[in-house]
Amino acid sequence: LVREYLVNNPEVLREALDALESRASSERWREVKSDPRDFARGPADAPITVVEFFDYRCTYCHAAYDWITDLTRRRPDIRLVLKELPVLGPDSMEAARASLAAMPQGRYWEFHRALITYQGDLSPEAINRLAQRAGIDVARMRRDMEDESITRQLEQIRAQAIEYQFNGTPGFVINGETIPGFHRETLEARLRSAAQE
């Protein structure tokens, strides 16, 4: 009976698959925007959440920094979530591990700003200098960088980026909608539609 019904009403299968995809998409978005290990800026109950996957060596991520900072300053309706996605080699990985290791010290945003605006190679020495200037205990940061939990977090962020089909940085997700790259007009248009929603 079920088979006969589905054969005679194949649109039911499409509806079921669409509902399943919608449920999976909602669950994926909830996990991406709500991980307590990620740095977030802005009200927890903001109606708009902007998630940025970034790499400290990515020039487009550098360009996006001023836009992101301006958003968090002037838009109380926006919550920003940052996700380290080191895809540009060992220096990127070193910087990502350092920023995550420094987070418990309460100076993440200052260190993030120093790393994302730095012009030059992010060598271990440069990272140490930037951390010290940001008020980070460098010895503690270096110890914490080896923690297995940081490796797991970076692996999970990478898996999330793959789910959202990001093959580079930056990648933005605004209230569940994916926007690859830093295209300011596209991002602003999505923010306008998110505000209307």
N, C-alpha and C. Protein backbone atom coordinates (compact mmCIF):
# COMPACT_ATOMS: atom_id res chain seq x y z
N LEU A 1 0.82 -1.21 0.00
CA LEU A 1 0.00 0.00 0.00
C LEU A 1 0.86 1.27 0.00
N VAL A 2 1.90 1.25 0.83
CA VAL A 2 2.79 2.42 0.89
C VAL A 2 3.48 2.63 -0.44
N ARG A 3 3.99 1.52 -1.01
CA ARG A 3 4.68 1.62 -2.30
C ARG A 3 3.74 2.17 -3.36
N GLU A 4 2.55 1.66 -3.40
CA GLU A 4 1.58 2.10 -4.41
C GLU A 4 1.27 3.58 -4.23
N TYR A 5 1.13 4.01 -2.96
CA TYR A 5 0.84 5.41 -2.68
C TYR A 5 1.98 6.31 -3.17
N LEU A 6 3.24 5.90 -2.86
CA LEU A 6 4.40 6.71 -3.26
C LEU A 6 4.57 6.75 -4.77
N VAL A 7 4.29 5.63 -5.43
CA VAL A 7 4.38 5.60 -6.89
C VAL A 7 3.34 6.55 -7.49
N ASN A 8 2.16 6.56 -6.92
CA ASN A 8 1.09 7.42 -7.44
C ASN A 8 1.20 8.88 -6.99
N ASN A 9 2.01 9.10 -5.93
CA ASN A 9 2.18 10.45 -5.39
C ASN A 9 3.66 10.74 -5.13
N PRO A 10 4.50 10.77 -6.17
CA PRO A 10 5.95 10.93 -5.96
C PRO A 10 6.34 12.27 -5.34
N GLU A 11 5.47 13.27 -5.44
CA GLU A 11 5.77 14.57 -4.85
C GLU A 11 5.92 14.48 -3.33
N VAL A 12 5.31 13.44 -2.73
CA VAL A 12 5.44 13.24 -1.28
C VAL A 12 6.90 12.97 -0.91
N LEU A 13 7.59 12.21 -1.76
CA LEU A 13 9.02 11.94 -1.51
C LEU A 13 9.82 13.22 -1.55
N ARG A 14 9.52 14.08 -2.53
CA ARG A 14 10.24 15.36 -2.64
C ARG A 14 9.98 16.21 -1.40
N GLU A 15 8.75 16.25 -0.94
CA GLU A 15 8.42 17.02 0.27
C GLU A 15 9.17 16.47 1.48
N ALA A 16 9.24 15.15 1.60
CA ALA A 16 9.94 14.53 2.73
C ALA A 16 11.43 14.84 2.68
N LEU A 17 12.02 14.77 1.48
CA LEU A 17 13.45 15.06 1.34
C LEU A 17 13.73 16.54 1.64
N ASP A 18 12.85 17.41 1.17
CA ASP A 18 13.01 18.84 1.45
C ASP A 18 12.93 19.12 2.95
N ALA A 19 11.98 18.46 3.62
CA ALA A 19 11.83 18.65 5.07
C ALA A 19 13.06 18.14 5.81
N LEU A 20 13.60 17.01 5.35
CA LEU A 20 14.80 16.45 5.97
C LEU A 20 15.99 17.38 5.79
N GLU A 21 16.14 17.93 4.58
CA GLU A 21 17.24 18.86 4.30
C GLU A 21 17.09 20.13 5.13
N SER A 22 15.87 20.62 5.25
CA SER A 22 15.62 21.83 6.04
C SER A 22 15.98 21.59 7.51
N ARG A 23 15.62 20.43 8.03
CA ARG A 23 15.93 20.09 9.41
C ARG A 23 17.44 19.99 9.61
N ALA A 24 18.13 19.33 8.67
CA ALA A 24 19.58 19.18 8.77
C ALA A 24 20.26 20.55 8.68
N SER A 25 19.77 21.42 7.81
CA SER A 25 20.33 22.75 7.64
C SER A 25 20.16 23.58 8.92
N SER A 26 18.98 23.48 9.54
CA SER A 26 18.73 24.22 10.79
C SER A 26 19.65 23.73 11.90
N GLU A 27 19.83 22.42 11.98
CA GLU A 27 20.70 21.85 13.01
C GLU A 27 22.16 22.26 12.79
N ARG A 28 22.59 22.24 11.53
CA ARG A 28 23.96 22.65 11.19
C ARG A 28 24.18 24.11 11.59
N TRP A 29 23.21 24.98 11.27
CA TRP A 29 23.32 26.40 11.59
C TRP A 29 23.37 26.61 13.10
N ARG A 30 22.51 25.88 13.85
CA ARG A 30 22.50 26.01 15.30
C ARG A 30 23.87 25.66 15.89
N GLU A 31 24.48 24.58 15.39
CA GLU A 31 25.79 24.16 15.90
C GLU A 31 26.87 25.18 15.55
N VAL A 32 26.83 25.72 14.34
CA VAL A 32 27.87 26.65 13.89
C VAL A 32 27.82 27.97 14.65
N LYS A 33 26.63 28.47 14.91
CA LYS A 33 26.53 29.79 15.55
C LYS A 33 26.60 29.75 17.07
N SER A 34 26.49 28.55 17.67
CA SER A 34 26.33 28.47 19.11
C SER A 34 27.44 27.73 19.86
N ASP A 35 28.56 27.47 19.22
CA ASP A 35 29.64 26.74 19.89
C ASP A 35 30.28 27.66 20.94
N PRO A 36 30.20 27.31 22.21
CA PRO A 36 30.73 28.20 23.26
C PRO A 36 32.25 28.37 23.20
N ARG A 37 32.95 27.53 22.43
CA ARG A 37 34.41 27.66 22.32
C ARG A 37 34.81 28.80 21.39
N ASP A 38 33.89 29.22 20.50
CA ASP A 38 34.20 30.28 19.54
C ASP A 38 34.09 31.66 20.18
N PHE A 39 34.90 32.59 19.68
CA PHE A 39 34.78 33.97 20.14
C PHE A 39 33.55 34.58 19.49
N ALA A 40 32.74 35.25 20.30
CA ALA A 40 31.56 35.94 19.79
C ALA A 40 31.53 37.35 20.36
N ARG A 41 31.03 38.27 19.55
CA ARG A 41 30.94 39.67 19.95
C ARG A 41 29.54 40.16 19.60
N GLY A 42 28.88 40.79 20.55
CA GLY A 42 27.52 41.26 20.33
C GLY A 42 26.55 40.48 21.20
N PRO A 43 25.32 40.95 21.28
CA PRO A 43 24.33 40.32 22.15
C PRO A 43 24.04 38.87 21.76
N ALA A 44 23.95 38.00 22.74
CA ALA A 44 23.67 36.58 22.48
C ALA A 44 22.31 36.39 21.84
N ASP A 45 21.37 37.32 22.10
CA ASP A 45 20.03 37.19 21.55
C ASP A 45 19.81 38.09 20.33
N ALA A 46 20.89 38.55 19.71
CA ALA A 46 20.76 39.40 18.52
C ALA A 46 19.98 38.66 17.43
N PRO A 47 19.11 39.36 16.71
CA PRO A 47 18.33 38.69 15.66
C PRO A 47 19.14 38.29 14.44
N ILE A 48 20.32 38.89 14.28
CA ILE A 48 21.18 38.55 13.14
C ILE A 48 22.51 38.03 13.67
N THR A 49 22.92 36.87 13.17
CA THR A 49 24.23 36.32 13.53
C THR A 49 25.07 36.22 12.26
N VAL A 50 26.27 36.78 12.33
CA VAL A 50 27.24 36.70 11.24
C VAL A 50 28.38 35.81 11.72
N VAL A 51 28.60 34.71 11.01
CA VAL A 51 29.72 33.82 11.32
C VAL A 51 30.76 34.01 10.22
N GLU A 52 32.01 34.26 10.63
CA GLU A 52 33.10 34.39 9.65
C GLU A 52 34.12 33.28 9.85
N PHE A 53 34.37 32.52 8.79
CA PHE A 53 35.48 31.57 8.74
C PHE A 53 36.64 32.34 8.11
N PHE A 54 37.79 32.38 8.79
CA PHE A 54 38.88 33.23 8.31
C PHE A 54 40.24 32.58 8.53
N ASP A 55 41.22 33.13 7.85
CA ASP A 55 42.62 32.71 7.98
C ASP A 55 43.43 33.98 8.23
N TYR A 56 44.32 33.95 9.20
CA TYR A 56 45.09 35.15 9.55
C TYR A 56 46.02 35.62 8.43
N ARG A 57 46.33 34.75 7.47
CA ARG A 57 47.22 35.15 6.37
C ARG A 57 46.45 35.53 5.11
N CYS A 58 45.14 35.49 5.16
CA CYS A 58 44.29 35.75 3.99
C CYS A 58 44.11 37.26 3.80
N THR A 59 44.51 37.77 2.64
CA THR A 59 44.42 39.22 2.38
C THR A 59 42.97 39.68 2.33
N TYR A 60 42.06 38.83 1.85
CA TYR A 60 40.64 39.21 1.82
C TYR A 60 40.05 39.26 3.23
N CYS A 61 40.57 38.41 4.11
CA CYS A 61 40.16 38.46 5.52
C CYS A 61 40.65 39.75 6.16
N HIS A 62 41.85 40.17 5.77
CA HIS A 62 42.39 41.45 6.26
C HIS A 62 41.46 42.58 5.82
N ALA A 63 41.05 42.53 4.55
CA ALA A 63 40.17 43.57 4.01
C ALA A 63 38.82 43.57 4.71
N ALA A 64 38.33 42.39 5.09
CA ALA A 64 37.01 42.28 5.74
C ALA A 64 37.04 42.76 7.18
N TYR A 65 38.21 42.83 7.78
CA TYR A 65 38.31 43.14 9.21
C TYR A 65 37.66 44.48 9.56
N ASP A 66 37.94 45.54 8.78
CA ASP A 66 37.37 46.85 9.09
C ASP A 66 35.84 46.82 9.00
N TRP A 67 35.33 46.10 7.99
CA TRP A 67 33.89 46.00 7.82
C TRP A 67 33.27 45.29 9.01
N ILE A 68 33.87 44.17 9.40
CA ILE A 68 33.39 43.38 10.55
C ILE A 68 33.42 44.22 11.83
N THR A 69 34.52 44.93 12.05
CA THR A 69 34.67 45.75 13.26
C THR A 69 33.61 46.84 13.29
N ASP A 70 33.40 47.48 12.14
CA ASP A 70 32.40 48.55 12.05
C ASP A 70 31.00 48.00 12.36
N LEU A 71 30.70 46.83 11.83
CA LEU A 71 29.40 46.20 12.09
C LEU A 71 29.16 46.01 13.58
N THR A 72 30.15 45.47 14.26
CA THR A 72 29.97 45.17 15.69
C THR A 72 29.90 46.44 16.53
N ARG A 73 30.42 47.54 15.98
CA ARG A 73 30.37 48.82 16.71
C ARG A 73 29.02 49.51 16.56
N ARG A 74 28.48 49.48 15.34
CA ARG A 74 27.28 50.30 15.08
C ARG A 74 25.97 49.53 15.00
N ARG A 75 26.03 48.19 15.03
CA ARG A 75 24.80 47.40 14.87
C ARG A 75 24.55 46.52 16.09
N PRO A 76 23.75 47.00 17.05
CA PRO A 76 23.46 46.19 18.24
C PRO A 76 22.57 44.98 17.93
N ASP A 77 22.05 44.92 16.69
CA ASP A 77 21.20 43.79 16.31
C ASP A 77 22.01 42.65 15.70
N ILE A 78 23.36 42.77 15.73
CA ILE A 78 24.22 41.77 15.11
C ILE A 78 25.14 41.12 16.14
N ARG A 79 25.25 39.82 16.04
CA ARG A 79 26.23 39.06 16.83
C ARG A 79 27.24 38.48 15.85
N LEU A 80 28.51 38.66 16.13
CA LEU A 80 29.59 38.15 15.29
C LEU A 80 30.21 36.93 15.95
N VAL A 81 30.41 35.87 15.17
CA VAL A 81 31.08 34.67 15.65
C VAL A 81 32.28 34.43 14.73
N LEU A 82 33.47 34.28 15.32
CA LEU A 82 34.69 34.08 14.54
C LEU A 82 35.14 32.62 14.61
N LYS A 83 35.52 32.08 13.45
CA LYS A 83 35.99 30.70 13.36
C LYS A 83 37.31 30.65 12.59
N GLU A 84 38.36 30.20 13.27
CA GLU A 84 39.67 30.08 12.66
C GLU A 84 39.68 28.91 11.67
N LEU A 85 40.03 29.22 10.42
CA LEU A 85 40.12 28.20 9.38
C LEU A 85 41.47 28.34 8.68
N PRO A 86 42.53 27.80 9.30
CA PRO A 86 43.87 27.98 8.75
C PRO A 86 44.11 27.10 7.52
N VAL A 87 43.99 27.70 6.33
CA VAL A 87 44.13 26.94 5.08
C VAL A 87 45.36 27.34 4.28
N LEU A 88 46.10 28.35 4.75
CA LEU A 88 47.21 28.88 3.97
C LEU A 88 48.59 28.51 4.51
N GLY A 89 48.69 27.30 5.06
CA GLY A 89 50.00 26.79 5.43
C GLY A 89 50.29 26.80 6.92
N PRO A 90 51.52 26.39 7.27
CA PRO A 90 51.92 26.23 8.67
C PRO A 90 51.82 27.52 9.49
N ASP A 91 52.15 28.68 8.88
CA ASP A 91 52.06 29.94 9.63
C ASP A 91 50.61 30.25 10.02
N SER A 92 49.68 29.92 9.12
CA SER A 92 48.26 30.10 9.41
C SER A 92 47.84 29.22 10.57
N MET A 93 48.29 27.98 10.55
CA MET A 93 47.95 27.04 11.62
C MET A 93 48.53 27.51 12.96
N GLU A 94 49.77 27.99 12.93
CA GLU A 94 50.42 28.49 14.15
C GLU A 94 49.64 29.66 14.74
N ALA A 95 49.22 30.59 13.88
CA ALA A 95 48.47 31.76 14.35
C ALA A 95 47.10 31.35 14.89
N ALA A 96 46.43 30.42 14.22
CA ALA A 96 45.12 29.96 14.68
C ALA A 96 45.23 29.28 16.04
N ARG A 97 46.22 28.41 16.18
CA ARG A 97 46.41 27.71 17.46
C ARG A 97 46.72 28.72 18.58
N ALA A 98 47.53 29.72 18.25
CA ALA A 98 47.90 30.74 19.24
C ALA A 98 46.67 31.53 19.69
N SER A 99 45.84 31.94 18.73
CA SER A 99 44.67 32.74 19.11
C SER A 99 43.70 31.94 19.97
N LEU A 100 43.49 30.67 19.62
CA LEU A 100 42.59 29.84 20.42
C LEU A 100 43.19 29.56 21.81
N ALA A 101 44.49 29.36 21.87
CA ALA A 101 45.15 29.10 23.15
C ALA A 101 45.11 30.33 24.05
N ALA A 102 45.12 31.51 23.45
CA ALA A 102 45.12 32.75 24.23
C ALA A 102 43.72 33.14 24.70
N MET A 103 42.69 32.54 24.13
CA MET A 103 41.32 32.95 24.44
C MET A 103 40.99 32.92 25.94
N PRO A 104 41.39 31.88 26.68
CA PRO A 104 41.06 31.86 28.12
C PRO A 104 41.68 33.03 28.90
N GLN A 105 42.66 33.70 28.32
CA GLN A 105 43.29 34.83 29.01
C GLN A 105 42.47 36.12 28.88
N GLY A 106 41.38 36.07 28.11
CA GLY A 106 40.46 37.21 28.05
C GLY A 106 40.89 38.36 27.17
N ARG A 107 41.88 38.13 26.31
CA ARG A 107 42.36 39.22 25.43
C ARG A 107 42.27 38.79 23.96
N TYR A 108 41.31 37.94 23.66
CA TYR A 108 41.21 37.39 22.31
C TYR A 108 41.06 38.50 21.26
N TRP A 109 40.11 39.43 21.47
CA TRP A 109 39.84 40.44 20.44
C TRP A 109 41.07 41.29 20.16
N GLU A 110 41.80 41.65 21.20
CA GLU A 110 43.01 42.46 21.02
C GLU A 110 44.07 41.68 20.24
N PHE A 111 44.21 40.41 20.55
CA PHE A 111 45.19 39.56 19.86
C PHE A 111 44.73 39.30 18.42
N HIS A 112 43.45 39.06 18.25
CA HIS A 112 42.89 38.86 16.90
C HIS A 112 43.19 40.08 16.03
N ARG A 113 42.92 41.26 16.57
CA ARG A 113 43.17 42.49 15.81
C ARG A 113 44.64 42.60 15.42
N ALA A 114 45.53 42.27 16.35
CA ALA A 114 46.97 42.35 16.07
C ALA A 114 47.36 41.36 14.96
N LEU A 115 46.82 40.15 15.01
CA LEU A 115 47.15 39.13 14.01
C LEU A 115 46.56 39.44 12.64
N ILE A 116 45.29 39.88 12.61
CA ILE A 116 44.60 40.07 11.34
C ILE A 116 45.07 41.33 10.61
N THR A 117 45.66 42.27 11.34
CA THR A 117 46.14 43.49 10.69
C THR A 117 47.65 43.47 10.45
N TYR A 118 48.31 42.41 10.88
CA TYR A 118 49.77 42.33 10.76
C TYR A 118 50.19 42.18 9.30
N GLN A 119 51.15 42.98 8.90
CA GLN A 119 51.70 42.91 7.55
C GLN A 119 53.07 42.25 7.63
N GLY A 120 53.16 41.02 7.17
CA GLY A 120 54.43 40.30 7.23
C GLY A 120 54.21 38.84 7.53
N ASP A 121 55.31 38.10 7.60
CA ASP A 121 55.22 36.67 7.89
C ASP A 121 54.84 36.46 9.35
N LEU A 122 53.89 35.55 9.56
CA LEU A 122 53.47 35.23 10.92
C LEU A 122 54.34 34.10 11.47
N SER A 123 55.61 34.42 11.66
CA SER A 123 56.55 33.46 12.23
C SER A 123 56.23 33.29 13.71
N PRO A 124 56.74 32.24 14.34
CA PRO A 124 56.52 32.09 15.79
C PRO A 124 56.99 33.32 16.58
N GLU A 125 58.10 33.90 16.14
CA GLU A 125 58.62 35.09 16.85
C GLU A 125 57.66 36.27 16.71
N ALA A 126 57.13 36.46 15.50
CA ALA A 126 56.19 37.56 15.28
C ALA A 126 54.91 37.34 16.09
N ILE A 127 54.42 36.11 16.11
CA ILE A 127 53.22 35.79 16.89
C ILE A 127 53.45 36.06 18.37
N ASN A 128 54.61 35.67 18.88
CA ASN A 128 54.94 35.93 20.29
C ASN A 128 54.94 37.43 20.59
N ARG A 129 55.56 38.21 19.69
CA ARG A 129 55.61 39.67 19.89
C ARG A 129 54.21 40.26 19.91
N LEU A 130 53.38 39.86 18.95
CA LEU A 130 52.02 40.39 18.87
C LEU A 130 51.21 39.98 20.10
N ALA A 131 51.41 38.76 20.55
CA ALA A 131 50.70 38.28 21.74
C ALA A 131 51.10 39.10 22.97
N GLN A 132 52.39 39.34 23.11
CA GLN A 132 52.87 40.10 24.26
C GLN A 132 52.30 41.51 24.25
N ARG A 133 52.30 42.15 23.06
CA ARG A 133 51.74 43.50 22.94
C ARG A 133 50.24 43.53 23.25
N ALA A 134 49.56 42.41 22.98
CA ALA A 134 48.10 42.33 23.25
C ALA A 134 47.81 41.98 24.70
N GLY A 135 48.85 41.82 25.51
CA GLY A 135 48.66 41.53 26.92
C GLY A 135 48.51 40.05 27.24
N ILE A 136 49.00 39.20 26.33
CA ILE A 136 48.91 37.75 26.51
C ILE A 136 50.16 37.23 27.22
N ASP A 137 49.96 36.30 28.16
CA ASP A 137 51.07 35.58 28.77
C ASP A 137 51.56 34.57 27.72
N VAL A 138 52.69 34.88 27.09
CA VAL A 138 53.17 34.10 25.95
C VAL A 138 53.55 32.67 26.36
N ALA A 139 54.21 32.52 27.49
CA ALA A 139 54.61 31.17 27.94
C ALA A 139 53.38 30.29 28.14
N ARG A 140 52.35 30.85 28.77
CA ARG A 140 51.10 30.09 28.98
C ARG A 140 50.44 29.77 27.63
N MET A 141 50.41 30.75 26.73
CA MET A 141 49.83 30.54 25.41
C MET A 141 50.54 29.40 24.69
N ARG A 142 51.86 29.40 24.71
CA ARG A 142 52.64 28.36 24.03
C ARG A 142 52.35 26.97 24.63
N ARG A 143 52.23 26.90 25.93
CA ARG A 143 51.89 25.61 26.56
C ARG A 143 50.50 25.16 26.11
N ASP A 144 49.55 26.09 26.14
CA ASP A 144 48.17 25.75 25.81
C ASP A 144 47.96 25.42 24.34
N MET A 145 48.85 25.91 23.49
CA MET A 145 48.74 25.62 22.05
C MET A 145 48.84 24.13 21.75
N GLU A 146 49.49 23.40 22.63
CA GLU A 146 49.68 21.96 22.41
C GLU A 146 48.51 21.12 22.90
N ASP A 147 47.52 21.76 23.48
CA ASP A 147 46.36 21.04 24.02
C ASP A 147 45.58 20.37 22.89
N GLU A 148 45.24 19.13 23.11
CA GLU A 148 44.52 18.34 22.09
C GLU A 148 43.14 18.93 21.79
N SER A 149 42.57 19.65 22.74
CA SER A 149 41.23 20.24 22.52
C SER A 149 41.27 21.28 21.40
N ILE A 150 42.40 21.97 21.25
CA ILE A 150 42.53 22.95 20.17
C ILE A 150 42.57 22.25 18.82
N THR A 151 43.27 21.14 18.75
CA THR A 151 43.30 20.35 17.51
C THR A 151 41.90 19.90 17.15
N ARG A 152 41.16 19.41 18.13
CA ARG A 152 39.78 18.95 17.88
C ARG A 152 38.90 20.10 17.41
N GLN A 153 39.06 21.27 18.03
CA GLN A 153 38.24 22.42 17.65
C GLN A 153 38.52 22.83 16.21
N LEU A 154 39.79 22.89 15.84
CA LEU A 154 40.15 23.26 14.47
C LEU A 154 39.65 22.24 13.46
N GLU A 155 39.70 20.97 13.83
CA GLU A 155 39.17 19.93 12.94
C GLU A 155 37.66 20.07 12.76
N GLN A 156 36.97 20.41 13.84
CA GLN A 156 35.52 20.60 13.75
C GLN A 156 35.18 21.81 12.90
N ILE A 157 35.93 22.89 13.06
CA ILE A 157 35.69 24.09 12.24
C ILE A 157 35.92 23.76 10.77
N ARG A 158 36.95 23.00 10.48
CA ARG A 158 37.23 22.59 9.09
C ARG A 158 36.07 21.78 8.53
N ALA A 159 35.53 20.86 9.34
CA ALA A 159 34.39 20.04 8.91
C ALA A 159 33.17 20.93 8.65
N GLN A 160 32.96 21.93 9.49
CA GLN A 160 31.84 22.86 9.28
C GLN A 160 32.02 23.65 7.98
N ALA A 161 33.24 24.10 7.73
CA ALA A 161 33.52 24.85 6.49
C ALA A 161 33.23 23.98 5.27
N ILE A 162 33.59 22.69 5.35
CA ILE A 162 33.33 21.77 4.24
C ILE A 162 31.82 21.60 4.05
N GLU A 163 31.08 21.49 5.15
CA GLU A 163 29.63 21.35 5.05
C GLU A 163 29.01 22.56 4.37
N TYR A 164 29.57 23.74 4.62
CA TYR A 164 29.07 24.97 3.98
C TYR A 164 29.72 25.21 2.61
N GLN A 165 30.54 24.26 2.18
CA GLN A 165 31.18 24.28 0.85
C GLN A 165 32.09 25.49 0.65
N PHE A 166 32.78 25.90 1.73
CA PHE A 166 33.80 26.93 1.60
C PHE A 166 35.09 26.25 1.16
N ASN A 167 35.68 26.72 0.07
CA ASN A 167 36.96 26.16 -0.35
C ASN A 167 38.07 27.20 -0.23
N GLY A 168 37.81 28.24 0.50
CA GLY A 168 38.79 29.29 0.77
C GLY A 168 38.26 30.21 1.85
N THR A 169 39.01 31.26 2.13
CA THR A 169 38.60 32.22 3.15
C THR A 169 38.58 33.61 2.52
N PRO A 170 37.78 34.53 3.08
CA PRO A 170 36.81 34.28 4.14
C PRO A 170 35.55 33.63 3.61
N GLY A 171 34.81 33.05 4.53
CA GLY A 171 33.48 32.53 4.22
C GLY A 171 32.55 33.04 5.29
N PHE A 172 31.41 33.57 4.89
CA PHE A 172 30.44 34.13 5.83
C PHE A 172 29.16 33.31 5.80
N VAL A 173 28.54 33.19 6.97
CA VAL A 173 27.20 32.62 7.06
C VAL A 173 26.37 33.61 7.86
N ILE A 174 25.33 34.15 7.22
CA ILE A 174 24.47 35.14 7.87
C ILE A 174 23.08 34.54 8.04
N ASN A 175 22.72 34.31 9.29
CA ASN A 175 21.44 33.67 9.61
C ASN A 175 21.19 32.43 8.76
N GLY A 176 22.25 31.64 8.58
CA GLY A 176 22.13 30.37 7.89
C GLY A 176 22.44 30.41 6.41
N GLU A 177 22.54 31.60 5.82
CA GLU A 177 22.81 31.70 4.38
C GLU A 177 24.31 31.91 4.13
N THR A 178 24.84 31.10 3.23
CA THR A 178 26.28 31.10 2.94
C THR A 178 26.65 32.16 1.92
N ILE A 179 27.74 32.89 2.22
CA ILE A 179 28.28 33.88 1.29
C ILE A 179 29.79 33.69 1.25
N PRO A 180 30.31 33.03 0.20
CA PRO A 180 31.76 32.84 0.10
C PRO A 180 32.46 34.13 -0.34
N GLY A 181 33.64 34.37 0.22
CA GLY A 181 34.44 35.53 -0.18
C GLY A 181 33.96 36.81 0.49
N PHE A 182 34.76 37.86 0.30
CA PHE A 182 34.40 39.17 0.85
C PHE A 182 33.90 40.06 -0.27
N HIS A 183 32.58 40.04 -0.46
CA HIS A 183 31.90 40.91 -1.42
C HIS A 183 30.97 41.78 -0.60
N ARG A 184 31.45 42.98 -0.31
CA ARG A 184 30.75 43.84 0.64
C ARG A 184 29.30 44.09 0.25
N GLU A 185 29.04 44.34 -1.04
CA GLU A 185 27.67 44.62 -1.49
C GLU A 185 26.76 43.43 -1.23
N THR A 186 27.26 42.22 -1.53
CA THR A 186 26.47 41.01 -1.31
C THR A 186 26.18 40.82 0.18
N LEU A 187 27.19 41.04 1.01
CA LEU A 187 27.02 40.90 2.45
C LEU A 187 26.02 41.92 3.00
N GLU A 188 26.14 43.17 2.52
CA GLU A 188 25.22 44.21 2.99
C GLU A 188 23.79 43.91 2.55
N ALA A 189 23.63 43.38 1.34
CA ALA A 189 22.29 43.02 0.86
C ALA A 189 21.69 41.91 1.72
N ARG A 190 22.52 40.92 2.08
CA ARG A 190 22.03 39.83 2.93
C ARG A 190 21.67 40.34 4.32
N LEU A 191 22.45 41.29 4.85
CA LEU A 191 22.12 41.88 6.15
C LEU A 191 20.79 42.62 6.10
N ARG A 192 20.53 43.33 4.99
CA ARG A 192 19.27 44.02 4.85
C ARG A 192 18.10 43.05 4.84
N SER A 193 18.25 41.95 4.09
CA SER A 193 17.16 40.98 4.03
C SER A 193 16.99 40.26 5.37
N ALA A 194 18.11 40.01 6.07
CA ALA A 194 18.03 39.38 7.40
C ALA A 194 17.31 40.29 8.38
N ALA A 195 17.56 41.60 8.27
CA ALA A 195 16.89 42.57 9.16
C ALA A 195 15.40 42.60 8.88
N GLN A 196 15.01 42.48 7.63
CA GLN A 196 13.58 42.47 7.28
C GLN A 196 12.90 41.19 7.76
N GLU A 197 13.65 40.07 7.69
CA GLU A 197 13.10 38.79 8.15
C GLU A 197 12.80 38.84 9.64
